C-alpha atoms as a PDB file:
ATOM      1  CA  UNK A   1     -98.471  69.193  23.205  1.00  0.00           C
ATOM      2  CA  UNK A   2     -99.259  68.169  26.586  1.00  0.00           C
ATOM      3  CA  UNK A   3    -102.608  67.569  28.301  1.00  0.00           C
ATOM      4  CA  UNK A   4    -103.739  71.244  28.472  1.00  0.00           C
ATOM      5  CA  UNK A   5    -103.112  71.868  24.673  1.00  0.00           C
ATOM      6  CA  UNK A   6    -104.904  68.648  23.868  1.00  0.00           C
ATOM      7  CA  UNK A   7    -107.865  69.454  26.067  1.00  0.00           C
ATOM      8  CA  UNK A   8    -107.956  72.998  24.414  1.00  0.00           C
ATOM      9  CA  UNK A   9    -107.829  71.465  20.960  1.00  0.00           C
ATOM     10  CA  UNK A  10    -110.564  68.972  21.839  1.00  0.00           C
ATOM     11  CA  UNK A  11    -112.794  71.775  23.134  1.00  0.00           C
ATOM     12  CA  UNK A  12    -112.172  73.603  19.942  1.00  0.00           C
ATOM     13  CA  UNK A  13    -113.016  70.620  17.854  1.00  0.00           C
ATOM     14  CA  UNK A  14    -116.340  70.248  19.808  1.00  0.00           C
ATOM     15  CA  UNK A  15    -117.135  73.757  19.117  1.00  0.00           C
ATOM     16  CA  UNK A  16    -116.545  73.343  15.457  1.00  0.00           C
ATOM     17  CA  UNK A  17    -118.782  70.225  15.494  1.00  0.00           C
ATOM     18  CA  UNK A  18    -121.434  72.089  17.247  1.00  0.00           C
ATOM     19  CA  UNK A  19    -121.377  75.119  14.817  1.00  0.00           C
ATOM     20  CA  UNK A  20    -124.235  73.604  12.671  1.00  0.00           C
ATOM     21  CA  UNK A  21    -126.154  72.450  15.700  1.00  0.00           C
ATOM     22  CA  UNK A  22    -125.976  75.988  17.247  1.00  0.00           C
ATOM     23  CA  UNK A  23    -127.466  77.501  14.084  1.00  0.00           C
ATOM     24  CA  UNK A  24    -130.191  75.185  14.096  1.00  0.00           C
ATOM     25  CA  UNK A  25    -130.923  75.592  17.750  1.00  0.00           C
ATOM     26  CA  UNK A  26    -131.188  79.298  17.242  1.00  0.00           C
ATOM     27  CA  UNK A  27    -133.503  78.983  14.289  1.00  0.00           C
ATOM     28  CA  UNK A  28    -135.823  76.519  16.387  1.00  0.00           C
ATOM     29  CA  UNK A  29    -135.768  78.871  19.304  1.00  0.00           C
ATOM     30  CA  UNK A  30    -136.839  81.948  17.092  1.00  0.00           C
ATOM     31  CA  UNK A  31    -139.556  79.890  15.452  1.00  0.00           C
ATOM     32  CA  UNK A  32    -140.784  78.481  18.779  1.00  0.00           C
ATOM     33  CA  UNK A  33    -139.793  74.776  18.109  1.00  0.00           C
ATOM     34  CA  UNK A  34    -138.148  72.529  20.559  1.00  0.00           C
ATOM     35  CA  UNK A  35    -134.232  72.623  20.025  1.00  0.00           C
ATOM     36  CA  UNK A  36    -132.891  69.307  18.743  1.00  0.00           C
ATOM     37  CA  UNK A  37    -130.766  67.381  21.095  1.00  0.00           C
ATOM     38  CA  UNK A  38    -127.138  66.549  20.148  1.00  0.00           C
ATOM     39  CA  UNK A  39    -126.094  62.923  20.206  1.00  0.00           C
ATOM     40  CA  UNK A  40    -123.301  61.010  18.550  1.00  0.00           C
ATOM     41  CA  UNK A  41    -125.660  60.414  15.738  1.00  0.00           C
ATOM     42  CA  UNK A  42    -123.395  62.506  13.540  1.00  0.00           C
ATOM     43  CA  UNK A  43    -120.425  60.187  13.968  1.00  0.00           C
ATOM     44  CA  UNK A  44    -120.250  57.466  11.381  1.00  0.00           C
ATOM     45  CA  UNK A  45    -121.180  54.011  12.885  1.00  0.00           C
ATOM     46  CA  UNK A  46    -118.002  52.435  12.036  1.00  0.00           C
ATOM     47  CA  UNK A  47    -116.055  55.280  13.524  1.00  0.00           C
ATOM     48  CA  UNK A  48    -118.200  55.135  16.708  1.00  0.00           C
ATOM     49  CA  UNK A  49    -117.590  51.391  17.186  1.00  0.00           C
ATOM     50  CA  UNK A  50    -113.710  52.002  16.693  1.00  0.00           C
ATOM     51  CA  UNK A  51    -114.009  54.879  19.343  1.00  0.00           C
ATOM     52  CA  UNK A  52    -115.824  52.610  21.764  1.00  0.00           C
ATOM     53  CA  UNK A  53    -113.000  50.042  21.430  1.00  0.00           C
ATOM     54  CA  UNK A  54    -110.399  52.648  22.094  1.00  0.00           C
ATOM     55  CA  UNK A  55    -112.140  54.081  25.041  1.00  0.00           C
ATOM     56  CA  UNK A  56    -112.416  50.576  26.630  1.00  0.00           C
ATOM     57  CA  UNK A  57    -108.752  50.181  26.386  1.00  0.00           C
ATOM     58  CA  UNK A  58    -108.052  53.447  28.188  1.00  0.00           C
ATOM     59  CA  UNK A  59    -106.055  56.563  26.955  1.00  0.00           C
ATOM     60  CA  UNK A  60    -103.583  55.708  24.276  1.00  0.00           C
ATOM     61  CA  UNK A  61     -99.916  56.606  25.486  1.00  0.00           C
ATOM     62  CA  UNK A  62     -99.480  58.653  22.311  1.00  0.00           C
ATOM     63  CA  UNK A  63    -101.823  61.343  23.802  1.00  0.00           C
ATOM     64  CA  UNK A  64     -99.302  62.215  26.457  1.00  0.00           C
ATOM     65  CA  UNK A  65     -96.243  62.288  24.089  1.00  0.00           C
ATOM     66  CA  UNK A  66     -95.429  65.504  22.293  1.00  0.00           C
ATOM     67  CA  UNK A  67     -94.932  65.223  18.564  1.00  0.00           C
ATOM     68  CA  UNK A  68     -91.089  65.428  18.028  1.00  0.00           C
ATOM     69  CA  UNK A  69     -91.178  67.984  15.289  1.00  0.00           C
ATOM     70  CA  UNK A  70     -93.040  71.239  14.215  1.00  0.00           C
ATOM     71  CA  UNK A  71     -94.098  69.519  11.094  1.00  0.00           C
ATOM     72  CA  UNK A  72     -95.542  66.458  12.967  1.00  0.00           C
ATOM     73  CA  UNK A  73     -97.522  68.943  15.388  1.00  0.00           C
ATOM     74  CA  UNK A  74     -98.787  70.745  12.288  1.00  0.00           C
ATOM     75  CA  UNK A  75     -99.869  67.393  10.619  1.00  0.00           C
ATOM     76  CA  UNK A  76    -101.627  66.308  13.720  1.00  0.00           C
ATOM     77  CA  UNK A  77    -103.527  69.733  14.120  1.00  0.00           C
ATOM     78  CA  UNK A  78    -104.579  69.528  10.478  1.00  0.00           C
ATOM     79  CA  UNK A  79    -105.833  66.073  10.989  1.00  0.00           C
ATOM     80  CA  UNK A  80    -107.932  67.141  14.011  1.00  0.00           C
ATOM     81  CA  UNK A  81    -109.261  70.189  12.188  1.00  0.00           C
ATOM     82  CA  UNK A  82    -110.266  67.878   9.182  1.00  0.00           C
ATOM     83  CA  UNK A  83    -112.038  65.444  11.630  1.00  0.00           C
ATOM     84  CA  UNK A  84    -113.983  68.497  13.109  1.00  0.00           C
ATOM     85  CA  UNK A  85    -114.887  69.346   9.528  1.00  0.00           C
ATOM     86  CA  UNK A  86    -116.179  65.868   8.905  1.00  0.00           C
ATOM     87  CA  UNK A  87    -118.342  65.798  12.049  1.00  0.00           C
ATOM     88  CA  UNK A  88    -119.828  69.170  11.280  1.00  0.00           C
ATOM     89  CA  UNK A  89    -120.548  68.159   7.839  1.00  0.00           C
ATOM     90  CA  UNK A  90    -122.287  64.929   9.183  1.00  0.00           C
ATOM     91  CA  UNK A  91    -124.347  67.146  11.418  1.00  0.00           C
ATOM     92  CA  UNK A  92    -125.203  69.387   8.430  1.00  0.00           C
ATOM     93  CA  UNK A  93    -126.511  66.449   6.490  1.00  0.00           C
ATOM     94  CA  UNK A  94    -129.030  65.730   9.354  1.00  0.00           C
ATOM     95  CA  UNK A  95    -130.648  69.128   8.985  1.00  0.00           C
ATOM     96  CA  UNK A  96    -133.567  69.928   6.740  1.00  0.00           C
ATOM     97  CA  UNK A  97    -132.689  70.496   3.265  1.00  0.00           C
ATOM     98  CA  UNK A  98    -133.473  74.223   3.432  1.00  0.00           C
ATOM     99  CA  UNK A  99    -130.785  74.672   6.115  1.00  0.00           C
ATOM    100  CA  UNK A 100    -128.147  72.243   4.717  1.00  0.00           C
ATOM    101  CA  UNK A 101    -126.338  74.339   2.140  1.00  0.00           C
ATOM    102  CA  UNK A 102    -125.840  77.224   4.738  1.00  0.00           C
ATOM    103  CA  UNK A 103    -124.599  74.894   7.391  1.00  0.00           C
ATOM    104  CA  UNK A 104    -122.215  73.291   4.913  1.00  0.00           C
ATOM    105  CA  UNK A 105    -120.879  76.587   3.934  1.00  0.00           C
ATOM    106  CA  UNK A 106    -120.411  77.688   7.495  1.00  0.00           C
ATOM    107  CA  UNK A 107    -118.516  74.386   8.321  1.00  0.00           C
ATOM    108  CA  UNK A 108    -116.190  74.933   5.221  1.00  0.00           C
ATOM    109  CA  UNK A 109    -115.677  78.493   6.199  1.00  0.00           C
ATOM    110  CA  UNK A 110    -114.801  77.426   9.835  1.00  0.00           C
ATOM    111  CA  UNK A 111    -112.435  74.746   8.447  1.00  0.00           C
ATOM    112  CA  UNK A 112    -110.645  77.378   6.096  1.00  0.00           C
ATOM    113  CA  UNK A 113    -110.205  79.646   9.037  1.00  0.00           C
ATOM    114  CA  UNK A 114    -108.781  76.958  11.315  1.00  0.00           C
ATOM    115  CA  UNK A 115    -106.351  75.769   8.707  1.00  0.00           C
ATOM    116  CA  UNK A 116    -105.265  79.424   8.085  1.00  0.00           C
ATOM    117  CA  UNK A 117    -104.512  79.785  11.824  1.00  0.00           C
ATOM    118  CA  UNK A 118    -102.941  76.217  12.179  1.00  0.00           C
ATOM    119  CA  UNK A 119     -99.273  77.324  11.659  1.00  0.00           C
ATOM    120  CA  UNK A 120     -99.556  80.265  14.105  1.00  0.00           C
ATOM    121  CA  UNK A 121    -101.077  78.048  16.695  1.00  0.00           C
ATOM    122  CA  UNK A 122     -98.260  75.411  16.366  1.00  0.00           C
ATOM    123  CA  UNK A 123     -95.778  77.988  16.622  1.00  0.00           C
ATOM    124  CA  UNK A 124     -97.388  79.393  19.891  1.00  0.00           C
ATOM    125  CA  UNK A 125     -96.902  75.982  21.534  1.00  0.00           C
ATOM    126  CA  UNK A 126     -93.221  75.875  20.956  1.00  0.00           C
END
């Protein structure tokens, strides 16, 4: 799991996080409203502080080490998918009540699909 794979997964995780946002942007554009701007407001403040401390220290060495086993790679991927779900749900909670349920449903469906594909993705990396 080298840099290109980590980057690809990061991009995928961001895409998952933006799923709810994309739906609200499309709705806003069809209704003639100004599209909402995405910020880190969907990240829990405690997590944001921890992330800021980690970023200040530079990239952790673990980012550049491959997980030793297939099971460890799968566990890491599942953790990343879970984090993406949490960010998507946080984004959904910021939406108007009328849109929240559909957004949460879409976030869970994306999570289920990603989890179902996780084993195949880990096998492809090997």
